[in-house]
Amino acid sequence: MAGPALLCDLPDTPESLLLRAGLVLAPVLFVARVVSVLLRFRSGGQPSQPGRTSPDS
């Protein structure tokens, strides 16, 4: 979100709005991503013994 405000010469109002939106959205999206990865890890998405197959296969 803040990329255009940092790279381009924009008027003051759009520049400040983009910077503020980036400052708000970046931490929110970071926390959402960390929580989703932790929940996926907790739900047992990882095998108990990587690289090994069960005798039935």
PDB file of N, CA and C in Angstrom:
ATOM      1  N   MET A   1       0.817  -1.194   0.000  1.00  0.00           N
ATOM      2  CA  MET A   1       0.000   0.000   0.000  1.00  0.00           C
ATOM      3  C   MET A   1       0.861   1.259   0.000  1.00  0.00           C
ATOM      4  N   ALA A   2       1.913   1.252   0.747  1.00  0.00           N
ATOM      5  CA  ALA A   2       2.724   2.455   0.877  1.00  0.00           C
ATOM      6  C   ALA A   2       3.745   2.587  -0.248  1.00  0.00           C
ATOM      7  N   GLY A   3       3.887   1.580  -1.069  1.00  0.00           N
ATOM      8  CA  GLY A   3       4.878   1.605  -2.141  1.00  0.00           C
ATOM      9  C   GLY A   3       4.740   2.784  -3.093  1.00  0.00           C
ATOM     10  N   PRO A   4       3.543   3.027  -3.641  1.00  0.00           N
ATOM     11  CA  PRO A   4       3.401   4.175  -4.539  1.00  0.00           C
ATOM     12  C   PRO A   4       3.705   5.507  -3.867  1.00  0.00           C
ATOM     13  N   ALA A   5       3.380   5.624  -2.597  1.00  0.00           N
ATOM     14  CA  ALA A   5       3.643   6.879  -1.876  1.00  0.00           C
ATOM     15  C   ALA A   5       5.135   7.088  -1.689  1.00  0.00           C
ATOM     16  N   LEU A   6       5.885   5.988  -1.556  1.00  0.00           N
ATOM     17  CA  LEU A   6       7.328   6.115  -1.363  1.00  0.00           C
ATOM     18  C   LEU A   6       8.080   6.292  -2.674  1.00  0.00           C
ATOM     19  N   LEU A   7       7.547   5.731  -3.756  1.00  0.00           N
ATOM     20  CA  LEU A   7       8.256   5.759  -5.036  1.00  0.00           C
ATOM     21  C   LEU A   7       7.874   6.940  -5.922  1.00  0.00           C
ATOM     22  N   CYS A   8       6.638   7.374  -5.839  1.00  0.00           N
ATOM     23  CA  CYS A   8       6.145   8.432  -6.734  1.00  0.00           C
ATOM     24  C   CYS A   8       5.958   9.733  -5.970  1.00  0.00           C
ATOM     25  N   ASP A   9       5.979  10.800  -6.717  1.00  0.00           N
ATOM     26  CA  ASP A   9       5.737  12.125  -6.139  1.00  0.00           C
ATOM     27  C   ASP A   9       4.235  12.397  -6.219  1.00  0.00           C
ATOM     28  N   LEU A  10       3.537  12.149  -5.118  1.00  0.00           N
ATOM     29  CA  LEU A  10       2.086  12.318  -5.067  1.00  0.00           C
ATOM     30  C   LEU A  10       1.732  13.565  -4.268  1.00  0.00           C
ATOM     31  N   PRO A  11       0.519  14.070  -4.473  1.00  0.00           N
ATOM     32  CA  PRO A  11       0.057  15.168  -3.611  1.00  0.00           C
ATOM     33  C   PRO A  11       0.012  14.723  -2.145  1.00  0.00           C
ATOM     34  N   ASP A  12      -0.003  15.687  -1.256  1.00  0.00           N
ATOM     35  CA  ASP A  12       0.108  15.400   0.177  1.00  0.00           C
ATOM     36  C   ASP A  12      -0.983  14.470   0.710  1.00  0.00           C
ATOM     37  N   THR A  13      -2.235  14.707   0.316  1.00  0.00           N
ATOM     38  CA  THR A  13      -3.333  13.911   0.873  1.00  0.00           C
ATOM     39  C   THR A  13      -3.254  12.444   0.464  1.00  0.00           C
ATOM     40  N   PRO A  14      -3.142  12.112  -0.827  1.00  0.00           N
ATOM     41  CA  PRO A  14      -3.036  10.693  -1.181  1.00  0.00           C
ATOM     42  C   PRO A  14      -1.785  10.033  -0.602  1.00  0.00           C
ATOM     43  N   GLU A  15      -0.694  10.783  -0.543  1.00  0.00           N
ATOM     44  CA  GLU A  15       0.540  10.221   0.004  1.00  0.00           C
ATOM     45  C   GLU A  15       0.366   9.854   1.478  1.00  0.00           C
ATOM     46  N   SER A  16      -0.224  10.740   2.249  1.00  0.00           N
ATOM     47  CA  SER A  16      -0.413  10.447   3.674  1.00  0.00           C
ATOM     48  C   SER A  16      -1.426   9.324   3.874  1.00  0.00           C
ATOM     49  N   LEU A  17      -2.465   9.267   3.038  1.00  0.00           N
ATOM     50  CA  LEU A  17      -3.449   8.187   3.161  1.00  0.00           C
ATOM     51  C   LEU A  17      -2.820   6.827   2.847  1.00  0.00           C
ATOM     52  N   LEU A  18      -2.010   6.764   1.805  1.00  0.00           N
ATOM     53  CA  LEU A  18      -1.358   5.499   1.455  1.00  0.00           C
ATOM     54  C   LEU A  18      -0.364   5.065   2.531  1.00  0.00           C
ATOM     55  N   LEU A  19       0.378   6.003   3.067  1.00  0.00           N
ATOM     56  CA  LEU A  19       1.325   5.668   4.125  1.00  0.00           C
ATOM     57  C   LEU A  19       0.614   5.165   5.381  1.00  0.00           C
ATOM     58  N   ARG A  20      -0.456   5.825   5.757  1.00  0.00           N
ATOM     59  CA  ARG A  20      -1.210   5.394   6.941  1.00  0.00           C
ATOM     60  C   ARG A  20      -1.863   4.038   6.712  1.00  0.00           C
ATOM     61  N   ALA A  21      -2.401   3.825   5.519  1.00  0.00           N
ATOM     62  CA  ALA A  21      -3.009   2.528   5.221  1.00  0.00           C
ATOM     63  C   ALA A  21      -1.962   1.425   5.286  1.00  0.00           C
ATOM     64  N   GLY A  22      -0.772   1.696   4.779  1.00  0.00           N
ATOM     65  CA  GLY A  22       0.308   0.715   4.856  1.00  0.00           C
ATOM     66  C   GLY A  22       0.730   0.444   6.284  1.00  0.00           C
ATOM     67  N   LEU A  23       0.775   1.488   7.101  1.00  0.00           N
ATOM     68  CA  LEU A  23       1.157   1.315   8.504  1.00  0.00           C
ATOM     69  C   LEU A  23       0.115   0.526   9.296  1.00  0.00           C
ATOM     70  N   VAL A  24      -1.134   0.601   8.873  1.00  0.00           N
ATOM     71  CA  VAL A  24      -2.191  -0.142   9.562  1.00  0.00           C
ATOM     72  C   VAL A  24      -2.280  -1.570   9.030  1.00  0.00           C
ATOM     73  N   LEU A  25      -2.228  -1.728   7.711  1.00  0.00           N
ATOM     74  CA  LEU A  25      -2.441  -3.047   7.115  1.00  0.00           C
ATOM     75  C   LEU A  25      -1.263  -3.997   7.291  1.00  0.00           C
ATOM     76  N   ALA A  26      -0.052  -3.501   7.262  1.00  0.00           N
ATOM     77  CA  ALA A  26       1.116  -4.385   7.341  1.00  0.00           C
ATOM     78  C   ALA A  26       1.127  -5.206   8.630  1.00  0.00           C
ATOM     79  N   PRO A  27       0.986  -4.616   9.803  1.00  0.00           N
ATOM     80  CA  PRO A  27       0.982  -5.447  11.019  1.00  0.00           C
ATOM     81  C   PRO A  27      -0.226  -6.382  11.102  1.00  0.00           C
ATOM     82  N   VAL A  28      -1.377  -5.917  10.627  1.00  0.00           N
ATOM     83  CA  VAL A  28      -2.581  -6.756  10.677  1.00  0.00           C
ATOM     84  C   VAL A  28      -2.402  -7.993   9.802  1.00  0.00           C
ATOM     85  N   LEU A  29      -1.905  -7.810   8.587  1.00  0.00           N
ATOM     86  CA  LEU A  29      -1.688  -8.943   7.689  1.00  0.00           C
ATOM     87  C   LEU A  29      -0.576  -9.852   8.193  1.00  0.00           C
ATOM     88  N   PHE A  30       0.447  -9.282   8.809  1.00  0.00           N
ATOM     89  CA  PHE A  30       1.528 -10.087   9.377  1.00  0.00           C
ATOM     90  C   PHE A  30       0.991 -10.998  10.481  1.00  0.00           C
ATOM     91  N   VAL A  31       0.209 -10.441  11.383  1.00  0.00           N
ATOM     92  CA  VAL A  31      -0.341 -11.230  12.487  1.00  0.00           C
ATOM     93  C   VAL A  31      -1.295 -12.296  11.949  1.00  0.00           C
ATOM     94  N   ALA A  32      -2.105 -11.948  10.967  1.00  0.00           N
ATOM     95  CA  ALA A  32      -3.021 -12.930  10.387  1.00  0.00           C
ATOM     96  C   ALA A  32      -2.259 -14.086   9.755  1.00  0.00           C
ATOM     97  N   ARG A  33      -1.166 -13.791   9.072  1.00  0.00           N
ATOM     98  CA  ARG A  33      -0.372 -14.844   8.448  1.00  0.00           C
ATOM     99  C   ARG A  33       0.296 -15.732   9.501  1.00  0.00           C
ATOM    100  N   VAL A  34       0.845 -15.134  10.539  1.00  0.00           N
ATOM    101  CA  VAL A  34       1.495 -15.917  11.596  1.00  0.00           C
ATOM    102  C   VAL A  34       0.472 -16.819  12.280  1.00  0.00           C
ATOM    103  N   VAL A  35      -0.704 -16.307  12.578  1.00  0.00           N
ATOM    104  CA  VAL A  35      -1.739 -17.104  13.234  1.00  0.00           C
ATOM    105  C   VAL A  35      -2.174 -18.254  12.336  1.00  0.00           C
ATOM    106  N   SER A  36      -2.344 -17.995  11.034  1.00  0.00           N
ATOM    107  CA  SER A  36      -2.773 -19.069  10.138  1.00  0.00           C
ATOM    108  C   SER A  36      -1.719 -20.165  10.035  1.00  0.00           C
ATOM    109  N   VAL A  37      -0.444 -19.803  10.010  1.00  0.00           N
ATOM    110  CA  VAL A  37       0.613 -20.810   9.952  1.00  0.00           C
ATOM    111  C   VAL A  37       0.663 -21.601  11.250  1.00  0.00           C
ATOM    112  N   LEU A  38       0.541 -20.930  12.382  1.00  0.00           N
ATOM    113  CA  LEU A  38       0.564 -21.628  13.662  1.00  0.00           C
ATOM    114  C   LEU A  38      -0.629 -22.564  13.820  1.00  0.00           C
ATOM    115  N   LEU A  39      -1.794 -22.145  13.387  1.00  0.00           N
ATOM    116  CA  LEU A  39      -2.959 -23.011  13.470  1.00  0.00           C
ATOM    117  C   LEU A  39      -2.821 -24.218  12.555  1.00  0.00           C
ATOM    118  N   ARG A  40      -2.266 -24.038  11.370  1.00  0.00           N
ATOM    119  CA  ARG A  40      -2.058 -25.153  10.462  1.00  0.00           C
ATOM    120  C   ARG A  40      -1.032 -26.128  11.042  1.00  0.00           C
ATOM    121  N   PHE A  41       0.008 -25.604  11.668  1.00  0.00           N
ATOM    122  CA  PHE A  41       1.024 -26.452  12.276  1.00  0.00           C
ATOM    123  C   PHE A  41       0.443 -27.235  13.450  1.00  0.00           C
ATOM    124  N   ARG A  42      -0.401 -26.580  14.237  1.00  0.00           N
ATOM    125  CA  ARG A  42      -1.002 -27.219  15.405  1.00  0.00           C
ATOM    126  C   ARG A  42      -2.004 -28.301  15.019  1.00  0.00           C
ATOM    127  N   SER A  43      -2.666 -28.153  13.874  1.00  0.00           N
ATOM    128  CA  SER A  43      -3.711 -29.105  13.486  1.00  0.00           C
ATOM    129  C   SER A  43      -3.151 -30.429  12.992  1.00  0.00           C
ATOM    130  N   GLY A  44      -1.849 -30.592  12.953  1.00  0.00           N
ATOM    131  CA  GLY A  44      -1.273 -31.869  12.572  1.00  0.00           C
ATOM    132  C   GLY A  44      -1.006 -31.991  11.089  1.00  0.00           C
ATOM    133  N   GLY A  45      -0.741 -30.920  10.437  1.00  0.00           N
ATOM    134  CA  GLY A  45      -0.442 -30.965   9.016  1.00  0.00           C
ATOM    135  C   GLY A  45       0.909 -31.567   8.707  1.00  0.00           C
ATOM    136  N   GLN A  46       1.780 -31.686   9.715  1.00  0.00           N
ATOM    137  CA  GLN A  46       3.111 -32.243   9.515  1.00  0.00           C
ATOM    138  C   GLN A  46       3.098 -33.730   9.845  1.00  0.00           C
ATOM    139  N   PRO A  47       3.762 -34.551   9.057  1.00  0.00           N
ATOM    140  CA  PRO A  47       3.826 -35.974   9.378  1.00  0.00           C
ATOM    141  C   PRO A  47       4.690 -36.213  10.612  1.00  0.00           C
ATOM    142  N   SER A  48       4.392 -37.297  11.335  1.00  0.00           N
ATOM    143  CA  SER A  48       5.143 -37.575  12.547  1.00  0.00           C
ATOM    144  C   SER A  48       6.549 -38.069  12.232  1.00  0.00           C
ATOM    145  N   GLN A  49       6.684 -38.805  11.143  1.00  0.00           N
ATOM    146  CA  GLN A  49       7.982 -39.305  10.734  1.00  0.00           C
ATOM    147  C   GLN A  49       8.179 -39.018   9.247  1.00  0.00           C
ATOM    148  N   PRO A  50       8.751 -37.895   8.912  1.00  0.00           N
ATOM    149  CA  PRO A  50       8.888 -37.527   7.503  1.00  0.00           C
ATOM    150  C   PRO A  50       9.721 -38.569   6.743  1.00  0.00           C
ATOM    151  N   GLY A  51       9.264 -38.894   5.538  1.00  0.00           N
ATOM    152  CA  GLY A  51      10.005 -39.795   4.675  1.00  0.00           C
ATOM    153  C   GLY A  51       9.689 -41.263   4.879  1.00  0.00           C
ATOM    154  N   ARG A  52       8.903 -41.581   5.862  1.00  0.00           N
ATOM    155  CA  ARG A  52       8.570 -42.987   6.113  1.00  0.00           C
ATOM    156  C   ARG A  52       7.134 -43.248   5.694  1.00  0.00           C
ATOM    157  N   THR A  53       6.904 -44.425   5.174  1.00  0.00           N
ATOM    158  CA  THR A  53       5.544 -44.812   4.774  1.00  0.00           C
ATOM    159  C   THR A  53       5.038 -45.873   5.738  1.00  0.00           C
ATOM    160  N   SER A  54       3.745 -46.010   5.782  1.00  0.00           N
ATOM    161  CA  SER A  54       3.158 -47.028   6.655  1.00  0.00           C
ATOM    162  C   SER A  54       3.316 -48.399   5.999  1.00  0.00           C
ATOM    163  N   PRO A  55       3.316 -49.477   6.772  1.00  0.00           N
ATOM    164  CA  PRO A  55       3.476 -50.814   6.194  1.00  0.00           C
ATOM    165  C   PRO A  55       2.334 -51.201   5.251  1.00  0.00           C
ATOM    166  N   ASP A  56       1.190 -50.547   5.375  1.00  0.00           N
ATOM    167  CA  ASP A  56       0.053 -50.900   4.534  1.00  0.00           C
ATOM    168  C   ASP A  56       0.179 -50.366   3.119  1.00  0.00           C
ATOM    169  N   SER A  57       1.068 -49.426   2.873  1.00  0.00           N
ATOM    170  CA  SER A  57       1.119 -48.806   1.555  1.00  0.00           C
ATOM    171  C   SER A  57       1.984 -49.575   0.589  1.00  0.00           C
TER     172      SER A  57
END
